[in-house]
Amino acid sequence: MIVANALIGFGAAAQLAYAATLGELLPYKARGFVSAIVFISALPTNAFGPIVAKSFIAHTVQTWRWCYYLNIITTAIAIVAAFFFYHPPTFAMLHVNKSKWQQVKSLDYGGLVLLLGGLVIFLLGLNWGGSLYPWASGHVIATLVVGLLSLVGFVVYEFTVPVDPIIPPTLMKNRQVVLIIGVACVGGMIFYGMSIVWPAMVATLFTSDLIHQGWLTMSCTAGAALGNIVAGACFRLGKFRWQLTFASVMVTIFFGAMASVNQHTLARGVAFTVLGTFFAGWLESPTMTAVSLAVDQSDIGLVVGMLNTIRVCFGSIAVAIYETILTNRDASLSARYIPHDAMAAGLPSSSLTALGVALTNGTTSAPSRVPGMNPVIESAIAVAQGKAYAGAANLVFLVTMAFGVLAVIGSLFVGNFDTYLTNEVSRRIHSTPDRKVTPPLGSSSEGHVEKV
């Protein structure tokens, strides 16, 4: 399952290239609007994915496997559609003096090893800390330090060694690119974190019914999907800096407000989740459009790929941070609340050790066999468990506020790009006739005829 999902993720990266494709083929001012149309086409799965998945599990013989069968069907349709309708410039058109084998040999393998290796090792340290090993253990310290040094080494390596680096230094020096990617990363950190935390809260605090869980989880996915669509449609209105700043402020407010949610405030949790993820989605769609305007148009694919890669990497880091906080804080609060509430409900103090063993056992029947246990005490323990988990989740949301503040600060220095919202097109499908286009943004040439 791990290997299969890794391969699925590898393939999904190619599908994320839609942003680069749209950027090349559309007029500058239409990129955001058509991006919104793409998100609308993906709405059935983006928004309704949780309830569809839960329904597969609850109502089909193959249960969760249908999630993958559906992926097979939709991806097969996409392959056929791309084969018949999408004809970009061929390799020979784009690489006149380089063969495919030369291109493979020139890839930046050193940069790949430093980037991916450093990220994986760093994430291992974050996940191990406080759960599998103590934070002060050699395992955690070594992985965190080595992972961080590898990532720093990657940046130094890209500036000094490869002829064709994964991330060219010119993009790293482009302030607008760095700022836009930074804000997009905050959106990714919040959304990917919420995709883990909110479903866990729903299952732990609110309901054990699979279908009900699916509908409640939709408040996260549907909010983000709607934010993507609205933000893409609004991009052509201009004032990108202020749109981004407003969205960052709203993200910070609503996810900060999520820290007030507990097992008794389901409606509040749903409302704040919808609003928070809506504005988190607003940080995703327009940033992919804006970053394509911040570079020479020959680098659209590179910079969009760079944004998606870094955004997902920071999302992975956020998930590791959130899960570590949840696990450690939940354990800490459970150790405080459960014994106190169980004894207050009548459990003898001599049974506390047996209760701890029973809860660690993980089965629902184990606590009932603890000496002195009765339904009233079991109910008190369940309330204490919910209170502990809610407290752990609240700390996670307070941490998201710190990320949101960083997004607000970064947004204030992003450009508006209003002057680039024109009818110019950067590329054409290669079966169309030659046409004159304006110079790529950032290019020093006064004009050229694109040979297609």
Protein backbone atom coordinates (compact mmCIF):
# COMPACT_ATOMS: atom_id res chain seq x y z
CA MET A 1 0.00 0.00 0.00
CA ILE A 2 2.83 2.41 0.84
CA VAL A 3 4.64 1.74 -2.44
CA ALA A 4 1.41 1.92 -4.44
CA ASN A 5 0.42 5.26 -2.92
CA ALA A 6 3.92 6.62 -3.51
CA LEU A 7 3.56 5.75 -7.20
CA ILE A 8 0.10 7.35 -7.29
CA GLY A 9 1.61 10.53 -5.86
CA PHE A 10 4.37 10.39 -8.46
CA GLY A 11 1.78 10.17 -11.23
CA ALA A 12 -0.41 12.89 -9.72
CA ALA A 13 2.47 15.33 -10.12
CA ALA A 14 2.03 15.15 -13.89
CA GLN A 15 -1.64 16.04 -13.51
CA LEU A 16 -0.73 19.09 -11.43
CA ALA A 17 1.05 20.40 -14.51
CA TYR A 18 -2.34 21.64 -15.70
CA ALA A 19 -1.48 25.04 -14.19
CA ALA A 20 1.61 25.35 -16.39
CA THR A 21 -0.31 24.17 -19.45
CA LEU A 22 -3.07 26.72 -18.94
CA GLY A 23 -0.51 29.42 -18.29
CA GLU A 24 1.13 28.89 -21.66
CA LEU A 25 -1.97 28.50 -23.80
CA LEU A 26 -4.24 31.21 -22.36
CA PRO A 27 -4.17 35.00 -22.44
CA TYR A 28 -2.60 36.40 -19.28
CA LYS A 29 -5.83 37.90 -17.99
CA ALA A 30 -7.82 34.67 -18.58
CA ARG A 31 -5.49 32.35 -16.64
CA GLY A 32 -7.20 32.76 -13.28
CA PHE A 33 -10.71 32.49 -14.70
CA VAL A 34 -10.01 29.29 -16.63
CA SER A 35 -8.24 27.90 -13.59
CA ALA A 36 -11.55 28.38 -11.77
CA ILE A 37 -13.29 26.38 -14.52
CA VAL A 38 -10.77 23.56 -14.02
CA PHE A 39 -11.54 23.52 -10.30
CA ILE A 40 -15.25 23.40 -11.08
CA SER A 41 -14.70 20.31 -13.23
CA ALA A 42 -12.89 18.69 -10.29
CA LEU A 43 -15.59 19.72 -7.79
CA PRO A 44 -17.31 16.29 -7.58
CA THR A 45 -14.16 14.68 -6.21
CA ASN A 46 -12.57 17.68 -4.50
CA ALA A 47 -15.68 18.56 -2.51
CA PHE A 48 -17.59 15.27 -2.28
CA GLY A 49 -14.58 12.96 -1.99
CA PRO A 50 -15.12 12.18 1.73
CA ILE A 51 -18.76 11.13 1.40
CA VAL A 52 -18.03 9.16 -1.78
CA ALA A 53 -15.19 7.31 -0.04
CA LYS A 54 -17.23 6.61 3.11
CA SER A 55 -20.13 5.39 0.94
CA PHE A 56 -17.83 2.99 -0.88
CA ILE A 57 -16.67 1.61 2.46
CA ALA A 58 -20.18 1.31 3.87
CA HIS A 59 -22.14 0.09 0.84
CA THR A 60 -19.89 -1.89 -1.55
CA VAL A 61 -18.37 -5.35 -1.36
CA GLN A 62 -14.93 -4.05 -2.34
CA THR A 63 -15.19 -1.25 0.28
CA TRP A 64 -12.14 1.11 0.21
CA ARG A 65 -10.79 -0.47 -2.97
CA TRP A 66 -13.44 1.40 -4.94
CA CYS A 67 -11.58 4.64 -4.12
CA TYR A 68 -8.75 3.31 -6.25
CA TYR A 69 -11.04 1.82 -8.92
CA LEU A 70 -12.60 5.26 -9.38
CA ASN A 71 -9.12 6.73 -9.77
CA ILE A 72 -8.32 4.15 -12.44
CA ILE A 73 -11.47 5.05 -14.38
CA THR A 74 -11.03 8.84 -14.26
CA THR A 75 -7.31 8.70 -15.00
CA ALA A 76 -7.89 6.41 -17.99
CA ILE A 77 -10.37 8.92 -19.38
CA ALA A 78 -7.84 11.72 -18.82
CA ILE A 79 -5.14 9.76 -20.69
CA VAL A 80 -7.40 9.23 -23.69
CA ALA A 81 -8.49 12.89 -23.71
CA ALA A 82 -4.87 14.12 -23.48
CA PHE A 83 -3.81 11.82 -26.32
CA PHE A 84 -6.46 13.09 -28.72
CA PHE A 85 -6.77 16.75 -27.76
CA TYR A 86 -3.49 18.01 -26.30
CA HIS A 87 -0.56 18.45 -28.71
CA PRO A 88 2.18 20.54 -27.11
CA PRO A 89 5.53 21.25 -28.81
CA THR A 90 7.54 18.05 -29.18
CA PHE A 91 10.88 17.39 -27.48
CA ALA A 92 12.73 18.11 -30.74
CA MET A 93 11.03 21.49 -31.07
CA LEU A 94 12.10 22.57 -27.59
CA HIS A 95 15.60 21.00 -27.55
CA VAL A 96 17.30 21.59 -30.87
CA ASN A 97 20.86 20.75 -29.74
CA LYS A 98 20.19 18.09 -27.09
CA SER A 99 19.05 14.48 -27.35
CA LYS A 100 16.70 12.82 -24.87
CA TRP A 101 19.57 10.78 -23.43
CA GLN A 102 21.64 13.93 -22.97
CA GLN A 103 18.69 15.51 -21.19
CA VAL A 104 18.43 12.51 -18.84
CA LYS A 105 22.16 12.62 -18.08
CA SER A 106 22.05 16.34 -17.36
CA LEU A 107 19.35 16.06 -14.70
CA ASP A 108 20.33 17.39 -11.29
CA TYR A 109 20.58 14.08 -9.42
CA GLY A 110 22.66 15.56 -6.63
CA GLY A 111 20.02 18.17 -5.94
CA LEU A 112 17.29 15.51 -5.97
CA VAL A 113 19.13 13.41 -3.39
CA LEU A 114 19.79 16.37 -1.09
CA LEU A 115 16.23 17.71 -1.36
CA LEU A 116 14.25 14.47 -1.06
CA GLY A 117 16.68 12.82 1.35
CA GLY A 118 16.82 15.84 3.63
CA LEU A 119 13.04 16.22 3.62
CA VAL A 120 12.37 12.55 4.42
CA ILE A 121 14.96 12.45 7.23
CA PHE A 122 13.65 15.71 8.72
CA LEU A 123 10.05 14.45 8.64
CA LEU A 124 11.12 11.20 10.33
CA GLY A 125 12.60 13.21 13.19
CA LEU A 126 9.41 15.26 13.57
CA ASN A 127 7.23 12.14 13.64
CA TRP A 128 9.49 10.25 16.05
CA GLY A 129 9.82 13.09 18.56
CA GLY A 130 7.76 12.59 21.70
CA SER A 131 6.06 9.43 20.41
CA LEU A 132 8.45 6.68 19.32
CA TYR A 133 11.47 8.35 20.96
CA PRO A 134 11.90 11.20 23.46
CA TRP A 135 12.66 14.61 21.94
CA ALA A 136 16.10 14.61 23.56
CA SER A 137 17.03 11.17 22.16
CA GLY A 138 19.83 10.68 19.66
CA HIS A 139 17.37 9.31 17.07
CA VAL A 140 15.31 12.49 17.00
CA ILE A 141 18.16 14.99 17.30
CA ALA A 142 20.25 13.24 14.64
CA THR A 143 17.43 13.03 12.08
CA LEU A 144 16.36 16.63 12.63
CA VAL A 145 19.90 17.99 12.37
CA VAL A 146 20.94 15.83 9.40
CA GLY A 147 17.68 16.56 7.56
CA LEU A 148 17.98 20.30 8.12
CA LEU A 149 21.65 20.33 7.07
CA SER A 150 20.76 18.40 3.91
CA LEU A 151 18.12 21.00 3.00
CA VAL A 152 20.57 23.85 3.63
CA GLY A 153 23.16 21.94 1.61
CA PHE A 154 20.65 21.63 -1.21
CA VAL A 155 20.34 25.42 -1.47
CA VAL A 156 24.13 25.88 -1.44
CA TYR A 157 24.56 23.06 -3.96
CA GLU A 158 22.04 24.58 -6.38
CA PHE A 159 23.94 27.87 -6.38
CA THR A 160 27.36 26.34 -6.95
CA VAL A 161 27.48 22.91 -8.60
CA PRO A 162 24.92 21.80 -11.24
CA VAL A 163 24.85 23.18 -14.77
CA ASP A 164 21.10 22.60 -14.97
CA PRO A 165 19.82 22.84 -11.37
CA ILE A 166 16.37 21.68 -10.28
CA ILE A 167 15.64 25.13 -8.89
CA PRO A 168 17.73 27.74 -10.75
CA PRO A 169 19.32 30.43 -8.55
CA THR A 170 17.59 33.08 -10.67
CA LEU A 171 14.23 31.88 -9.34
CA MET A 172 15.52 31.76 -5.77
CA LYS A 173 16.65 35.39 -6.16
CA ASN A 174 13.29 36.48 -7.60
CA ARG A 175 11.62 38.18 -4.62
CA GLN A 176 8.12 37.93 -6.05
CA VAL A 177 8.51 34.21 -6.70
CA VAL A 178 9.77 33.61 -3.15
CA LEU A 179 6.97 35.65 -1.59
CA ILE A 180 4.20 34.03 -3.65
CA ILE A 181 5.50 30.53 -2.95
CA GLY A 182 5.81 31.37 0.74
CA VAL A 183 2.17 32.45 0.95
CA ALA A 184 1.07 29.40 -1.07
CA CYS A 185 2.99 27.19 1.36
CA VAL A 186 0.98 28.57 4.27
CA GLY A 187 -2.22 27.66 2.43
CA GLY A 188 -0.84 24.18 1.84
CA MET A 189 0.30 23.77 5.44
CA ILE A 190 -3.14 24.71 6.71
CA PHE A 191 -5.15 22.70 4.17
CA TYR A 192 -3.09 19.50 4.36
CA GLY A 193 -3.06 19.79 8.14
CA MET A 194 -6.82 20.24 8.24
CA SER A 195 -7.29 17.23 5.95
CA ILE A 196 -5.75 15.18 8.77
CA VAL A 197 -6.93 16.97 11.92
CA TRP A 198 -10.58 17.69 11.08
CA PRO A 199 -11.53 14.11 9.99
CA ALA A 200 -9.83 12.81 13.15
CA MET A 201 -11.80 15.31 15.25
CA VAL A 202 -15.04 14.27 13.55
CA ALA A 203 -14.43 10.56 14.22
CA THR A 204 -13.16 11.08 17.77
CA LEU A 205 -15.42 13.82 19.09
CA PHE A 206 -18.66 13.84 17.10
CA THR A 207 -19.78 10.57 15.48
CA SER A 208 -18.79 6.97 14.78
CA ASP A 209 -21.19 6.66 11.83
CA LEU A 210 -19.16 6.44 8.60
CA ILE A 211 -21.64 8.27 6.38
CA HIS A 212 -22.13 11.05 8.92
CA GLN A 213 -18.34 11.35 9.17
CA GLY A 214 -18.16 11.76 5.40
CA TRP A 215 -20.72 14.58 5.34
CA LEU A 216 -19.02 16.42 8.20
CA THR A 217 -15.56 16.04 6.65
CA MET A 218 -16.89 17.68 3.50
CA SER A 219 -16.87 21.01 5.33
CA CYS A 220 -13.09 20.94 4.89
CA THR A 221 -12.86 19.74 1.29
CA ALA A 222 -15.85 21.70 -0.03
CA GLY A 223 -14.65 24.90 1.61
CA ALA A 224 -11.24 24.65 -0.03
CA ALA A 225 -12.74 23.72 -3.41
CA LEU A 226 -15.09 26.70 -3.33
CA GLY A 227 -12.21 28.99 -2.32
CA ASN A 228 -10.17 27.80 -5.30
CA ILE A 229 -13.03 28.55 -7.69
CA VAL A 230 -13.93 32.00 -6.33
CA ALA A 231 -10.29 33.09 -6.08
CA GLY A 232 -9.56 32.02 -9.65
CA ALA A 233 -12.59 33.92 -10.95
CA CYS A 234 -11.59 37.04 -8.98
CA PHE A 235 -7.97 37.09 -10.16
CA ARG A 236 -8.75 39.10 -13.29
CA LEU A 237 -10.20 41.85 -11.09
CA GLY A 238 -6.64 42.80 -10.14
CA LYS A 239 -5.30 44.06 -6.80
CA PHE A 240 -3.76 40.66 -6.21
CA ARG A 241 -1.74 41.85 -3.22
CA TRP A 242 -4.85 42.95 -1.34
CA GLN A 243 -6.81 39.84 -2.29
CA LEU A 244 -4.00 37.72 -0.90
CA THR A 245 -3.64 39.82 2.24
CA PHE A 246 -7.38 39.66 2.93
CA ALA A 247 -7.42 35.88 2.47
CA SER A 248 -4.41 35.49 4.79
CA VAL A 249 -6.08 37.56 7.50
CA MET A 250 -9.28 35.53 7.23
CA VAL A 251 -7.36 32.23 7.38
CA THR A 252 -5.64 33.37 10.56
CA ILE A 253 -8.89 34.50 12.17
CA PHE A 254 -11.03 31.47 11.39
CA PHE A 255 -8.45 28.82 12.20
CA GLY A 256 -7.61 30.67 15.37
CA ALA A 257 -11.32 30.54 16.18
CA MET A 258 -11.22 26.75 15.71
CA ALA A 259 -9.26 26.61 18.97
CA SER A 260 -12.60 27.17 20.75
CA VAL A 261 -14.17 24.00 19.29
CA ASN A 262 -14.81 20.97 21.51
CA GLN A 263 -17.02 17.87 21.53
CA HIS A 264 -20.07 20.00 22.36
CA THR A 265 -19.73 22.58 19.57
CA LEU A 266 -20.12 20.66 16.31
CA ALA A 267 -21.97 23.47 14.47
CA ARG A 268 -19.23 25.95 15.35
CA GLY A 269 -16.56 23.54 14.14
CA VAL A 270 -18.31 23.00 10.79
CA ALA A 271 -18.84 26.73 10.24
CA PHE A 272 -15.25 27.71 11.06
CA THR A 273 -13.87 24.81 9.01
CA VAL A 274 -15.82 25.86 5.91
CA LEU A 275 -14.77 29.50 6.25
CA GLY A 276 -11.15 28.74 7.16
CA THR A 277 -10.58 26.28 4.31
CA PHE A 278 -12.40 28.60 1.89
CA PHE A 279 -9.75 31.25 2.43
CA ALA A 280 -6.98 28.63 2.53
CA GLY A 281 -8.16 27.66 -0.97
CA TRP A 282 -7.96 31.36 -1.87
CA LEU A 283 -4.23 31.16 -1.10
CA GLU A 284 -3.79 28.27 -3.55
CA SER A 285 -5.47 28.98 -6.89
CA PRO A 286 -4.40 32.61 -7.51
CA THR A 287 -0.82 32.02 -6.35
CA MET A 288 -0.32 29.46 -9.14
CA THR A 289 -1.63 32.02 -11.63
CA ALA A 290 0.40 34.91 -10.22
CA VAL A 291 3.68 33.02 -10.05
CA SER A 292 3.40 32.31 -13.78
CA LEU A 293 3.41 36.08 -14.38
CA ALA A 294 6.41 36.72 -12.14
CA VAL A 295 8.95 34.97 -14.40
CA ASP A 296 10.12 34.82 -17.98
CA GLN A 297 7.36 32.94 -19.80
CA SER A 298 9.78 30.22 -20.86
CA ASP A 299 10.00 29.27 -17.15
CA ILE A 300 6.26 28.83 -16.50
CA GLY A 301 6.43 25.05 -16.19
CA LEU A 302 9.52 25.25 -13.98
CA VAL A 303 8.15 27.85 -11.57
CA VAL A 304 4.70 26.20 -11.29
CA GLY A 305 6.38 22.86 -10.63
CA MET A 306 8.61 24.57 -8.07
CA LEU A 307 5.59 26.09 -6.31
CA ASN A 308 3.68 22.80 -6.19
CA THR A 309 6.73 20.87 -4.99
CA ILE A 310 7.63 23.27 -2.19
CA ARG A 311 3.98 23.69 -1.20
CA VAL A 312 3.50 19.93 -0.85
CA CYS A 313 6.80 19.62 1.04
CA PHE A 314 5.71 22.25 3.54
CA GLY A 315 2.32 20.56 3.73
CA SER A 316 4.08 17.32 4.68
CA ILE A 317 6.08 19.17 7.34
CA ALA A 318 2.86 20.70 8.69
CA VAL A 319 1.16 17.29 8.86
CA ALA A 320 4.13 15.91 10.81
CA ILE A 321 4.04 18.89 13.18
CA TYR A 322 0.28 18.66 13.72
CA GLU A 323 0.28 14.90 14.29
CA THR A 324 3.16 15.23 16.75
CA ILE A 325 1.33 17.96 18.66
CA LEU A 326 -1.91 15.95 18.63
CA THR A 327 -0.25 12.76 19.85
CA ASN A 328 1.85 14.33 22.58
CA ARG A 329 -0.75 16.81 23.82
CA ASP A 330 -3.51 14.21 23.79
CA ALA A 331 -1.35 11.83 25.86
CA SER A 332 -0.50 14.61 28.30
CA LEU A 333 -4.10 15.77 28.78
CA SER A 334 -5.42 12.20 28.93
CA ALA A 335 -3.02 11.45 31.78
CA ARG A 336 -4.45 14.48 33.59
CA TYR A 337 -8.17 14.17 32.86
CA ILE A 338 -8.95 10.44 32.70
CA PRO A 339 -7.74 9.32 36.17
CA HIS A 340 -9.29 12.39 37.82
CA ASP A 341 -12.70 12.03 36.14
CA ALA A 342 -12.77 8.23 36.55
CA MET A 343 -12.12 8.49 40.29
CA ALA A 344 -14.64 11.30 40.60
CA ALA A 345 -17.22 8.95 39.03
CA GLY A 346 -16.42 6.22 41.57
CA LEU A 347 -13.48 4.19 40.22
CA PRO A 348 -11.22 2.95 43.07
CA SER A 349 -7.70 4.38 43.00
CA SER A 350 -6.36 0.82 43.11
CA SER A 351 -7.83 0.25 39.62
CA LEU A 352 -6.01 3.14 37.91
CA THR A 353 -3.08 0.96 36.78
CA ALA A 354 -5.45 -1.60 35.30
CA LEU A 355 -7.38 1.20 33.59
CA GLY A 356 -4.20 2.53 31.97
CA VAL A 357 -3.37 -0.93 30.65
CA ALA A 358 -6.92 -1.40 29.36
CA LEU A 359 -6.92 1.93 27.49
CA THR A 360 -3.53 1.14 25.96
CA ASN A 361 -4.95 -2.21 24.81
CA GLY A 362 -7.08 -0.30 22.29
CA THR A 363 -10.15 -2.56 22.30
CA THR A 364 -13.55 -1.22 23.30
CA SER A 365 -14.22 -4.10 25.70
CA ALA A 366 -10.96 -3.87 27.68
CA PRO A 367 -11.99 -1.00 30.03
CA SER A 368 -15.19 -2.83 31.02
CA ARG A 369 -13.09 -5.59 32.63
CA VAL A 370 -11.29 -3.18 34.97
CA PRO A 371 -12.17 -3.88 38.64
CA GLY A 372 -14.86 -1.52 39.89
CA MET A 373 -15.90 -0.37 36.41
CA ASN A 374 -19.54 0.46 35.67
CA PRO A 375 -21.45 2.33 32.91
CA VAL A 376 -21.33 5.65 34.78
CA ILE A 377 -17.53 5.48 35.08
CA GLU A 378 -17.18 4.40 31.43
CA SER A 379 -19.23 7.43 30.38
CA ALA A 380 -17.04 9.72 32.49
CA ILE A 381 -13.92 8.24 30.88
CA ALA A 382 -15.35 8.81 27.39
CA VAL A 383 -16.06 12.47 28.25
CA ALA A 384 -12.52 12.86 29.59
CA GLN A 385 -11.05 11.33 26.42
CA GLY A 386 -13.03 13.77 24.28
CA LYS A 387 -11.95 16.69 26.43
CA ALA A 388 -8.29 15.64 26.10
CA TYR A 389 -8.47 15.24 22.33
CA ALA A 390 -10.28 18.56 21.90
CA GLY A 391 -7.59 20.27 23.96
CA ALA A 392 -4.88 18.74 21.78
CA ALA A 393 -6.65 19.85 18.60
CA ASN A 394 -7.06 23.36 20.01
CA LEU A 395 -3.29 23.65 20.39
CA VAL A 396 -2.89 22.66 16.74
CA PHE A 397 -5.16 25.50 15.66
CA LEU A 398 -3.24 27.99 17.75
CA VAL A 399 -0.09 26.89 15.92
CA THR A 400 -1.81 27.52 12.56
CA MET A 401 -2.31 31.13 13.63
CA ALA A 402 1.47 31.59 13.65
CA PHE A 403 1.63 30.34 10.05
CA GLY A 404 -1.24 32.65 9.13
CA VAL A 405 0.57 35.70 10.52
CA LEU A 406 3.58 34.84 8.32
CA ALA A 407 1.25 34.70 5.30
CA VAL A 408 -0.19 38.11 6.14
CA ILE A 409 3.28 39.66 6.35
CA GLY A 410 4.41 38.05 3.09
CA SER A 411 1.24 39.09 1.26
CA LEU A 412 1.87 42.76 1.99
CA PHE A 413 5.02 42.66 -0.17
CA VAL A 414 3.57 40.74 -3.14
CA GLY A 415 3.01 42.69 -6.37
CA ASN A 416 -0.40 43.34 -7.88
CA PHE A 417 0.39 42.20 -11.47
CA ASP A 418 -2.42 44.40 -12.81
CA THR A 419 -0.31 45.57 -15.77
CA TYR A 420 0.11 41.95 -16.94
CA LEU A 421 -3.62 41.24 -17.25
CA THR A 422 -3.64 41.51 -21.06
CA ASN A 423 -4.76 39.41 -24.04
CA GLU A 424 -1.25 38.21 -24.87
CA VAL A 425 -0.56 34.46 -25.20
CA SER A 426 2.82 32.84 -24.48
CA ARG A 427 2.52 29.58 -26.43
CA ARG A 428 0.38 27.91 -29.06
CA ILE A 429 -0.48 24.28 -29.73
CA HIS A 430 2.03 23.25 -32.38
CA SER A 431 -0.60 22.43 -35.04
CA THR A 432 -1.59 26.12 -35.28
CA PRO A 433 0.08 28.65 -37.61
CA ASP A 434 2.94 30.93 -36.62
CA ARG A 435 1.88 34.12 -34.89
CA LYS A 436 3.62 37.12 -33.43
CA VAL A 437 3.58 37.41 -29.65
CA THR A 438 4.90 39.94 -27.22
CA PRO A 439 8.22 39.27 -25.49
CA PRO A 440 8.14 37.02 -22.40
CA LEU A 441 7.74 38.94 -19.19
CA GLY A 442 11.20 39.73 -17.94
CA SER A 443 12.78 39.24 -21.36
CA SER A 444 15.11 41.87 -22.79
CA SER A 445 14.09 41.20 -26.39
CA GLU A 446 11.77 43.64 -28.10
CA GLY A 447 9.75 41.02 -29.92
CA HIS A 448 9.97 37.67 -31.61
CA VAL A 449 8.04 35.33 -33.85
CA GLU A 450 7.34 32.03 -32.20
CA LYS A 451 8.04 29.11 -34.56
CA VAL A 452 5.45 26.44 -33.89
